[in-house]
Amino acid sequence: MSRSDWTDPAAYEHMRGYEADEFAAEYLIRNDDFVAECDQLASSAMTSGRLAGSTGFAASWGARFHNLC
Protein backbone atom coordinates (compact mmCIF):
# COMPACT_ATOMS: atom_id res chain seq x y z
CA MET A 1 0.00 0.00 0.00
CA SER A 2 1.26 3.43 -0.82
CA ARG A 3 1.67 5.65 2.22
CA SER A 4 0.63 9.14 1.16
CA ASP A 5 1.04 12.28 3.25
CA TRP A 6 -1.53 11.87 6.03
CA THR A 7 -1.74 15.64 6.46
CA ASP A 8 -2.90 16.18 2.86
CA PRO A 9 -6.73 16.40 2.72
CA ALA A 10 -6.65 15.10 -0.85
CA ALA A 11 -5.33 11.78 0.49
CA TYR A 12 -8.72 11.23 2.15
CA GLU A 13 -11.06 12.17 -0.71
CA HIS A 14 -11.77 8.51 -1.46
CA MET A 15 -13.13 8.17 2.10
CA ARG A 16 -15.72 10.94 1.84
CA GLY A 17 -18.71 8.57 1.80
CA TYR A 18 -17.33 5.94 4.20
CA GLU A 19 -19.55 4.41 6.86
CA ALA A 20 -18.20 3.64 10.36
CA ASP A 21 -17.18 0.07 9.48
CA GLU A 22 -15.22 1.30 6.48
CA PHE A 23 -13.34 3.83 8.62
CA ALA A 24 -12.57 1.05 11.10
CA ALA A 25 -11.23 -1.18 8.32
CA GLU A 26 -9.08 1.69 7.03
CA TYR A 27 -7.59 2.16 10.50
CA LEU A 28 -6.84 -1.53 10.87
CA ILE A 29 -5.11 -1.98 7.53
CA ARG A 30 -2.83 0.96 8.37
CA ASN A 31 -1.84 -0.54 11.74
CA ASP A 32 1.41 -2.51 11.50
CA ASP A 33 0.64 -4.64 14.58
CA PHE A 34 -2.74 -5.64 13.16
CA VAL A 35 -1.21 -6.50 9.79
CA ALA A 36 1.44 -8.66 11.49
CA GLU A 37 -1.19 -10.58 13.46
CA CYS A 38 -3.31 -10.93 10.35
CA ASP A 39 -0.32 -12.34 8.47
CA GLN A 40 0.13 -14.92 11.22
CA LEU A 41 -3.51 -15.96 10.86
CA ALA A 42 -3.20 -16.15 7.09
CA SER A 43 -0.13 -18.41 7.34
CA SER A 44 -2.04 -21.02 9.35
CA ALA A 45 -4.24 -23.51 7.53
CA MET A 46 -7.77 -22.09 7.51
CA THR A 47 -10.05 -23.64 4.98
CA SER A 48 -13.08 -24.55 7.05
CA GLY A 49 -15.02 -21.32 6.54
CA ARG A 50 -15.24 -20.85 10.31
CA LEU A 51 -14.20 -17.61 11.96
CA ALA A 52 -10.44 -17.21 12.06
CA GLY A 53 -8.43 -16.01 15.01
CA SER A 54 -8.64 -16.38 18.71
CA THR A 55 -11.06 -14.60 20.98
CA GLY A 56 -7.99 -12.61 22.10
CA PHE A 57 -7.53 -11.35 18.55
CA ALA A 58 -11.19 -10.35 18.42
CA ALA A 59 -10.92 -8.63 21.80
CA SER A 60 -7.76 -6.76 20.80
CA TRP A 61 -8.92 -5.60 17.40
CA GLY A 62 -12.69 -5.85 17.48
CA ALA A 63 -12.61 -7.99 14.36
CA ARG A 64 -12.83 -11.62 13.31
CA PHE A 65 -12.70 -12.95 9.79
CA HIS A 66 -14.01 -15.79 7.73
CA ASN A 67 -11.03 -17.67 6.31
CA LEU A 68 -8.16 -15.24 5.73
CA CYS A 69 -7.57 -11.61 6.67
C-alpha atoms as a PDB file:
ATOM      1  CA  MET A   1       0.000   0.000   0.000  1.00  0.00           C
ATOM      2  CA  SER A   2       1.258   3.430  -0.823  1.00  0.00           C
ATOM      3  CA  ARG A   3       1.670   5.655   2.222  1.00  0.00           C
ATOM      4  CA  SER A   4       0.634   9.135   1.163  1.00  0.00           C
ATOM      5  CA  ASP A   5       1.041  12.279   3.253  1.00  0.00           C
ATOM      6  CA  TRP A   6      -1.526  11.867   6.035  1.00  0.00           C
ATOM      7  CA  THR A   7      -1.744  15.635   6.458  1.00  0.00           C
ATOM      8  CA  ASP A   8      -2.895  16.182   2.864  1.00  0.00           C
ATOM      9  CA  PRO A   9      -6.730  16.403   2.720  1.00  0.00           C
ATOM     10  CA  ALA A  10      -6.645  15.098  -0.853  1.00  0.00           C
ATOM     11  CA  ALA A  11      -5.331  11.779   0.487  1.00  0.00           C
ATOM     12  CA  TYR A  12      -8.725  11.228   2.147  1.00  0.00           C
ATOM     13  CA  GLU A  13     -11.056  12.172  -0.711  1.00  0.00           C
ATOM     14  CA  HIS A  14     -11.765   8.514  -1.457  1.00  0.00           C
ATOM     15  CA  MET A  15     -13.134   8.168   2.100  1.00  0.00           C
ATOM     16  CA  ARG A  16     -15.724  10.938   1.844  1.00  0.00           C
ATOM     17  CA  GLY A  17     -18.706   8.574   1.800  1.00  0.00           C
ATOM     18  CA  TYR A  18     -17.331   5.940   4.198  1.00  0.00           C
ATOM     19  CA  GLU A  19     -19.552   4.408   6.857  1.00  0.00           C
ATOM     20  CA  ALA A  20     -18.203   3.642  10.360  1.00  0.00           C
ATOM     21  CA  ASP A  21     -17.181   0.074   9.485  1.00  0.00           C
ATOM     22  CA  GLU A  22     -15.222   1.304   6.479  1.00  0.00           C
ATOM     23  CA  PHE A  23     -13.340   3.828   8.623  1.00  0.00           C
ATOM     24  CA  ALA A  24     -12.575   1.050  11.100  1.00  0.00           C
ATOM     25  CA  ALA A  25     -11.227  -1.175   8.324  1.00  0.00           C
ATOM     26  CA  GLU A  26      -9.083   1.691   7.029  1.00  0.00           C
ATOM     27  CA  TYR A  27      -7.595   2.162  10.499  1.00  0.00           C
ATOM     28  CA  LEU A  28      -6.842  -1.535  10.874  1.00  0.00           C
ATOM     29  CA  ILE A  29      -5.114  -1.979   7.526  1.00  0.00           C
ATOM     30  CA  ARG A  30      -2.825   0.961   8.365  1.00  0.00           C
ATOM     31  CA  ASN A  31      -1.842  -0.537  11.740  1.00  0.00           C
ATOM     32  CA  ASP A  32       1.414  -2.510  11.501  1.00  0.00           C
ATOM     33  CA  ASP A  33       0.639  -4.637  14.578  1.00  0.00           C
ATOM     34  CA  PHE A  34      -2.744  -5.639  13.158  1.00  0.00           C
ATOM     35  CA  VAL A  35      -1.209  -6.496   9.788  1.00  0.00           C
ATOM     36  CA  ALA A  36       1.442  -8.662  11.489  1.00  0.00           C
ATOM     37  CA  GLU A  37      -1.191 -10.581  13.464  1.00  0.00           C
ATOM     38  CA  CYS A  38      -3.307 -10.925  10.345  1.00  0.00           C
ATOM     39  CA  ASP A  39      -0.324 -12.342   8.466  1.00  0.00           C
ATOM     40  CA  GLN A  40       0.129 -14.923  11.225  1.00  0.00           C
ATOM     41  CA  LEU A  41      -3.507 -15.964  10.855  1.00  0.00           C
ATOM     42  CA  ALA A  42      -3.196 -16.147   7.086  1.00  0.00           C
ATOM     43  CA  SER A  43      -0.135 -18.406   7.337  1.00  0.00           C
ATOM     44  CA  SER A  44      -2.036 -21.022   9.348  1.00  0.00           C
ATOM     45  CA  ALA A  45      -4.240 -23.509   7.533  1.00  0.00           C
ATOM     46  CA  MET A  46      -7.770 -22.093   7.509  1.00  0.00           C
ATOM     47  CA  THR A  47     -10.048 -23.635   4.982  1.00  0.00           C
ATOM     48  CA  SER A  48     -13.078 -24.547   7.055  1.00  0.00           C
ATOM     49  CA  GLY A  49     -15.022 -21.325   6.535  1.00  0.00           C
ATOM     50  CA  ARG A  50     -15.243 -20.849  10.314  1.00  0.00           C
ATOM     51  CA  LEU A  51     -14.202 -17.610  11.955  1.00  0.00           C
ATOM     52  CA  ALA A  52     -10.443 -17.209  12.058  1.00  0.00           C
ATOM     53  CA  GLY A  53      -8.427 -16.009  15.010  1.00  0.00           C
ATOM     54  CA  SER A  54      -8.641 -16.379  18.711  1.00  0.00           C
ATOM     55  CA  THR A  55     -11.058 -14.599  20.978  1.00  0.00           C
ATOM     56  CA  GLY A  56      -7.994 -12.610  22.102  1.00  0.00           C
ATOM     57  CA  PHE A  57      -7.534 -11.353  18.548  1.00  0.00           C
ATOM     58  CA  ALA A  58     -11.187 -10.353  18.419  1.00  0.00           C
ATOM     59  CA  ALA A  59     -10.923  -8.634  21.802  1.00  0.00           C
ATOM     60  CA  SER A  60      -7.763  -6.759  20.804  1.00  0.00           C
ATOM     61  CA  TRP A  61      -8.916  -5.598  17.397  1.00  0.00           C
ATOM     62  CA  GLY A  62     -12.690  -5.850  17.483  1.00  0.00           C
ATOM     63  CA  ALA A  63     -12.605  -7.991  14.364  1.00  0.00           C
ATOM     64  CA  ARG A  64     -12.832 -11.623  13.311  1.00  0.00           C
ATOM     65  CA  PHE A  65     -12.695 -12.948   9.785  1.00  0.00           C
ATOM     66  CA  HIS A  66     -14.012 -15.788   7.735  1.00  0.00           C
ATOM     67  CA  ASN A  67     -11.029 -17.669   6.311  1.00  0.00           C
ATOM     68  CA  LEU A  68      -8.163 -15.241   5.730  1.00  0.00           C
ATOM     69  CA  CYS A  69      -7.568 -11.607   6.671  1.00  0.00           C
END
